[in-house]
C-alpha atoms as a PDB file:
ATOM      1  CA  MET A   1     -20.647  65.761   6.817  1.00  0.00           C
ATOM      2  CA  VAL A   2     -16.982  66.767   6.732  1.00  0.00           C
ATOM      3  CA  SER A   3     -15.509  67.730   3.402  1.00  0.00           C
ATOM      4  CA  THR A   4     -12.586  65.526   2.398  1.00  0.00           C
ATOM      5  CA  SER A   5     -10.774  68.499   0.849  1.00  0.00           C
ATOM      6  CA  ASN A   6     -10.311  70.051   4.313  1.00  0.00           C
ATOM      7  CA  HIS A   7      -8.826  66.923   5.921  1.00  0.00           C
ATOM      8  CA  SER A   8      -5.454  67.202   7.523  1.00  0.00           C
ATOM      9  CA  PRO A   9      -2.985  64.308   7.130  1.00  0.00           C
ATOM     10  CA  ALA A  10      -3.568  63.457  10.815  1.00  0.00           C
ATOM     11  CA  LEU A  11      -7.324  63.189  10.269  1.00  0.00           C
ATOM     12  CA  ASP A  12      -6.827  61.074   7.132  1.00  0.00           C
ATOM     13  CA  SER A  13      -4.556  58.759   9.122  1.00  0.00           C
ATOM     14  CA  TRP A  14      -7.121  58.555  11.930  1.00  0.00           C
ATOM     15  CA  GLN A  15      -9.907  57.664   9.487  1.00  0.00           C
ATOM     16  CA  GLN A  16      -7.820  54.746   8.188  1.00  0.00           C
ATOM     17  CA  ASN A  17      -8.150  53.292  11.682  1.00  0.00           C
ATOM     18  CA  LEU A  18     -11.931  53.201  11.452  1.00  0.00           C
ATOM     19  CA  ALA A  19     -13.856  50.151  10.271  1.00  0.00           C
ATOM     20  CA  PRO A  20     -14.228  49.051   7.531  1.00  0.00           C
ATOM     21  CA  TYR A  21     -10.827  50.433   6.502  1.00  0.00           C
ATOM     22  CA  ASN A  22      -8.618  49.463   9.427  1.00  0.00           C
ATOM     23  CA  LEU A  23      -6.229  46.548   9.317  1.00  0.00           C
ATOM     24  CA  GLY A  24      -7.738  44.661  12.260  1.00  0.00           C
ATOM     25  CA  TYR A  25     -11.214  44.737  10.750  1.00  0.00           C
ATOM     26  CA  ARG A  26      -9.982  43.527   7.373  1.00  0.00           C
ATOM     27  CA  ILE A  27      -7.903  40.731   8.924  1.00  0.00           C
ATOM     28  CA  LYS A  28     -10.932  39.664  10.963  1.00  0.00           C
ATOM     29  CA  LEU A  29     -13.105  39.734   7.834  1.00  0.00           C
ATOM     30  CA  VAL A  30     -10.625  37.565   5.900  1.00  0.00           C
ATOM     31  CA  SER A  31     -10.491  35.186   8.873  1.00  0.00           C
ATOM     32  CA  GLN A  32     -14.273  34.941   9.036  1.00  0.00           C
ATOM     33  CA  LEU A  33     -14.639  34.389   5.297  1.00  0.00           C
ATOM     34  CA  LEU A  34     -11.891  31.737   5.280  1.00  0.00           C
ATOM     35  CA  GLY A  35     -13.435  30.134   8.348  1.00  0.00           C
ATOM     36  CA  ARG A  36     -16.881  29.945   6.773  1.00  0.00           C
ATOM     37  CA  LYS A  37     -15.556  28.478   3.540  1.00  0.00           C
ATOM     38  CA  PHE A  38     -13.365  25.940   5.362  1.00  0.00           C
ATOM     39  CA  THR A  39     -16.188  25.002   7.755  1.00  0.00           C
ATOM     40  CA  GLU A  40     -18.399  24.352   4.733  1.00  0.00           C
ATOM     41  CA  LYS A  41     -15.773  22.058   3.189  1.00  0.00           C
ATOM     42  CA  LEU A  42     -15.116  20.189   6.467  1.00  0.00           C
ATOM     43  CA  GLU A  43     -18.777  19.678   7.339  1.00  0.00           C
ATOM     44  CA  PRO A  44     -19.154  16.387   5.409  1.00  0.00           C
ATOM     45  CA  PHE A  45     -16.359  14.954   7.594  1.00  0.00           C
ATOM     46  CA  GLY A  46     -18.007  16.050  10.844  1.00  0.00           C
ATOM     47  CA  ILE A  47     -15.087  18.200  11.922  1.00  0.00           C
ATOM     48  CA  THR A  48     -14.444  21.882  12.530  1.00  0.00           C
ATOM     49  CA  PRO A  49     -11.510  24.133  11.624  1.00  0.00           C
ATOM     50  CA  PHE A  50     -10.278  23.769  15.218  1.00  0.00           C
ATOM     51  CA  HIS A  51     -10.346  19.965  14.839  1.00  0.00           C
ATOM     52  CA  TRP A  52      -8.275  20.466  11.683  1.00  0.00           C
ATOM     53  CA  LEU A  53      -5.659  22.414  13.654  1.00  0.00           C
ATOM     54  CA  VAL A  54      -5.397  19.689  16.287  1.00  0.00           C
ATOM     55  CA  LEU A  55      -5.147  17.032  13.590  1.00  0.00           C
ATOM     56  CA  CYS A  56      -2.331  18.991  11.912  1.00  0.00           C
ATOM     57  CA  CYS A  57      -0.377  19.039  15.189  1.00  0.00           C
ATOM     58  CA  LEU A  58      -0.836  15.286  15.618  1.00  0.00           C
ATOM     59  CA  TRP A  59      -0.006  14.474  12.003  1.00  0.00           C
ATOM     60  CA  GLN A  60       3.320  16.215  12.615  1.00  0.00           C
ATOM     61  CA  GLU A  61       3.903  14.515  15.975  1.00  0.00           C
ATOM     62  CA  ASP A  62       1.471  11.936  17.288  1.00  0.00           C
ATOM     63  CA  GLY A  63       1.140  11.444  21.040  1.00  0.00           C
ATOM     64  CA  LEU A  64       1.640  15.064  22.049  1.00  0.00           C
ATOM     65  CA  PRO A  65       0.715  16.125  25.568  1.00  0.00           C
ATOM     66  CA  THR A  66      -2.444  18.217  25.710  1.00  0.00           C
ATOM     67  CA  SER A  67      -0.393  21.175  26.969  1.00  0.00           C
ATOM     68  CA  SER A  68       1.922  21.012  23.930  1.00  0.00           C
ATOM     69  CA  ILE A  69      -1.041  21.122  21.562  1.00  0.00           C
ATOM     70  CA  GLY A  70      -2.402  24.102  23.474  1.00  0.00           C
ATOM     71  CA  ASP A  71       0.970  25.850  23.303  1.00  0.00           C
ATOM     72  CA  LYS A  72       1.281  25.265  19.556  1.00  0.00           C
ATOM     73  CA  LEU A  73      -2.250  26.573  18.954  1.00  0.00           C
ATOM     74  CA  LYS A  74      -2.044  29.336  21.584  1.00  0.00           C
ATOM     75  CA  GLN A  75      -5.180  27.971  23.264  1.00  0.00           C
ATOM     76  CA  VAL A  76      -6.278  27.782  26.868  1.00  0.00           C
ATOM     77  CA  GLY A  77      -6.808  24.344  28.406  1.00  0.00           C
ATOM     78  CA  GLY A  78     -10.582  24.566  28.849  1.00  0.00           C
ATOM     79  CA  THR A  79     -11.225  25.307  25.201  1.00  0.00           C
ATOM     80  CA  LEU A  80      -8.887  22.569  24.030  1.00  0.00           C
ATOM     81  CA  THR A  81     -10.334  20.027  26.470  1.00  0.00           C
ATOM     82  CA  GLY A  82     -13.808  20.437  24.971  1.00  0.00           C
ATOM     83  CA  VAL A  83     -12.445  20.137  21.436  1.00  0.00           C
ATOM     84  CA  LEU A  84     -10.547  16.975  22.362  1.00  0.00           C
ATOM     85  CA  ASP A  85     -13.709  15.573  24.008  1.00  0.00           C
ATOM     86  CA  ARG A  86     -15.623  16.003  20.744  1.00  0.00           C
ATOM     87  CA  MET A  87     -12.775  14.600  18.671  1.00  0.00           C
ATOM     88  CA  GLU A  88     -12.612  11.574  20.947  1.00  0.00           C
ATOM     89  CA  GLU A  89     -16.396  11.100  20.649  1.00  0.00           C
ATOM     90  CA  ARG A  90     -16.019  11.154  16.839  1.00  0.00           C
ATOM     91  CA  GLY A  91     -13.294   8.523  17.051  1.00  0.00           C
ATOM     92  CA  LEU A  92     -10.501  10.763  15.710  1.00  0.00           C
ATOM     93  CA  VAL A  93      -8.219  10.727  18.773  1.00  0.00           C
ATOM     94  CA  ARG A  94      -7.688   8.827  21.988  1.00  0.00           C
ATOM     95  CA  ARG A  95      -6.214  10.013  25.277  1.00  0.00           C
ATOM     96  CA  GLU A  96      -3.723   8.099  27.361  1.00  0.00           C
ATOM     97  CA  ARG A  97      -1.885   8.983  30.551  1.00  0.00           C
ATOM     98  CA  ASP A  98       1.840   9.515  30.134  1.00  0.00           C
ATOM     99  CA  THR A  99       3.730   6.448  31.357  1.00  0.00           C
ATOM    100  CA  HIS A 100       6.298   8.599  33.218  1.00  0.00           C
ATOM    101  CA  ASP A 101       4.053  11.359  34.570  1.00  0.00           C
ATOM    102  CA  ARG A 102       0.447  10.455  35.380  1.00  0.00           C
ATOM    103  CA  ARG A 103      -0.539  14.159  35.423  1.00  0.00           C
ATOM    104  CA  ILE A 104       0.048  14.393  31.674  1.00  0.00           C
ATOM    105  CA  TRP A 105      -2.474  13.253  29.082  1.00  0.00           C
ATOM    106  CA  ARG A 106      -1.084  12.372  25.666  1.00  0.00           C
ATOM    107  CA  ILE A 107      -3.269  12.614  22.569  1.00  0.00           C
ATOM    108  CA  TRP A 108      -2.960   9.932  19.913  1.00  0.00           C
ATOM    109  CA  LEU A 109      -4.560   9.694  16.495  1.00  0.00           C
ATOM    110  CA  THR A 110      -6.897   6.802  15.835  1.00  0.00           C
ATOM    111  CA  ASP A 111      -6.942   5.096  12.446  1.00  0.00           C
ATOM    112  CA  ALA A 112      -9.817   7.402  11.459  1.00  0.00           C
ATOM    113  CA  GLY A 113      -7.752  10.459  12.417  1.00  0.00           C
ATOM    114  CA  LYS A 114      -4.756   9.165  10.478  1.00  0.00           C
ATOM    115  CA  GLU A 115      -6.871   8.493   7.372  1.00  0.00           C
ATOM    116  CA  LEU A 116      -7.951  12.147   7.232  1.00  0.00           C
ATOM    117  CA  GLU A 117      -4.340  13.167   6.579  1.00  0.00           C
ATOM    118  CA  VAL A 118      -4.797  12.033   2.978  1.00  0.00           C
ATOM    119  CA  VAL A 119      -8.186  13.708   2.511  1.00  0.00           C
ATOM    120  CA  LEU A 120      -8.111  17.049   4.338  1.00  0.00           C
ATOM    121  CA  PRO A 121      -4.855  18.797   3.271  1.00  0.00           C
ATOM    122  CA  PRO A 122      -5.964  19.047  -0.377  1.00  0.00           C
ATOM    123  CA  ILE A 123      -9.249  20.597   0.795  1.00  0.00           C
ATOM    124  CA  ALA A 124      -7.378  23.143   2.910  1.00  0.00           C
ATOM    125  CA  ALA A 125      -5.068  23.902  -0.017  1.00  0.00           C
ATOM    126  CA  ALA A 126      -8.058  24.473  -2.321  1.00  0.00           C
ATOM    127  CA  VAL A 127      -9.602  26.972   0.124  1.00  0.00           C
ATOM    128  CA  ARG A 128      -6.242  28.743   0.491  1.00  0.00           C
ATOM    129  CA  ASP A 129      -5.798  28.846  -3.284  1.00  0.00           C
ATOM    130  CA  GLU A 130      -9.290  30.298  -3.724  1.00  0.00           C
ATOM    131  CA  ALA A 131      -8.477  33.049  -1.227  1.00  0.00           C
ATOM    132  CA  MET A 132      -5.131  33.761  -2.924  1.00  0.00           C
ATOM    133  CA  ASP A 133      -6.429  33.638  -6.495  1.00  0.00           C
ATOM    134  CA  GLY A 134      -4.774  36.338  -8.586  1.00  0.00           C
ATOM    135  CA  ILE A 135      -1.956  36.865  -6.079  1.00  0.00           C
ATOM    136  CA  CYS A 136       1.472  35.827  -7.355  1.00  0.00           C
ATOM    137  CA  SER A 137       3.623  33.436  -5.321  1.00  0.00           C
ATOM    138  CA  ALA A 138       6.097  36.173  -4.359  1.00  0.00           C
ATOM    139  CA  ASP A 139       3.278  38.315  -2.933  1.00  0.00           C
ATOM    140  CA  ARG A 140       1.827  35.274  -1.138  1.00  0.00           C
ATOM    141  CA  GLU A 141       5.212  34.665   0.488  1.00  0.00           C
ATOM    142  CA  LEU A 142       5.575  38.342   1.432  1.00  0.00           C
ATOM    143  CA  PHE A 143       2.040  38.348   2.889  1.00  0.00           C
ATOM    144  CA  SER A 144       2.883  35.287   4.961  1.00  0.00           C
ATOM    145  CA  GLN A 145       6.079  36.908   6.236  1.00  0.00           C
ATOM    146  CA  ILE A 146       4.207  40.092   7.140  1.00  0.00           C
ATOM    147  CA  LEU A 147       1.573  38.138   9.058  1.00  0.00           C
ATOM    148  CA  ASN A 148       4.277  36.173  10.889  1.00  0.00           C
ATOM    149  CA  ARG A 149       5.986  39.441  11.863  1.00  0.00           C
ATOM    150  CA  ALA A 150       2.715  40.971  13.098  1.00  0.00           C
ATOM    151  CA  ILE A 151       1.982  37.828  15.158  1.00  0.00           C
ATOM    152  CA  ALA A 152       5.478  37.897  16.644  1.00  0.00           C
ATOM    153  CA  ASN A 153       5.191  41.609  17.398  1.00  0.00           C
ATOM    154  CA  LEU A 154       1.908  41.102  19.268  1.00  0.00           C
ATOM    155  CA  SER A 155       2.808  37.874  21.049  1.00  0.00           C
END
């Protein structure tokens, strides 16, 4: 075992890049914990966190082309197609061909999908608030800005 008193600053910096201390690991851990908690809360509604994301896109603008949803969520078509299949089976969305371009499929909320807009956002907010408990609003805003910058930097 290496004595910590003999560490150089370079070695200390290197060790901060090792799990469980590195940023990527901790972000992944937060994501997994949030995902588990949110999945638990969504389970009674028969939807997943990915369904939630699609619903959020459609609540903001119903009738989006599949490609626009994929762009917003940074998802590949195959993954999104399967999610939309399951959402359609559950009666949350319906697909229709675009009237001007038959190659494009538009995704529309059903009444059941629209009704969830009243129910699900408070659940998502409660999970977020649980994760952010003890963190002041200014630090929450700063954290959000930092994450946005990191996403932009890596995109």
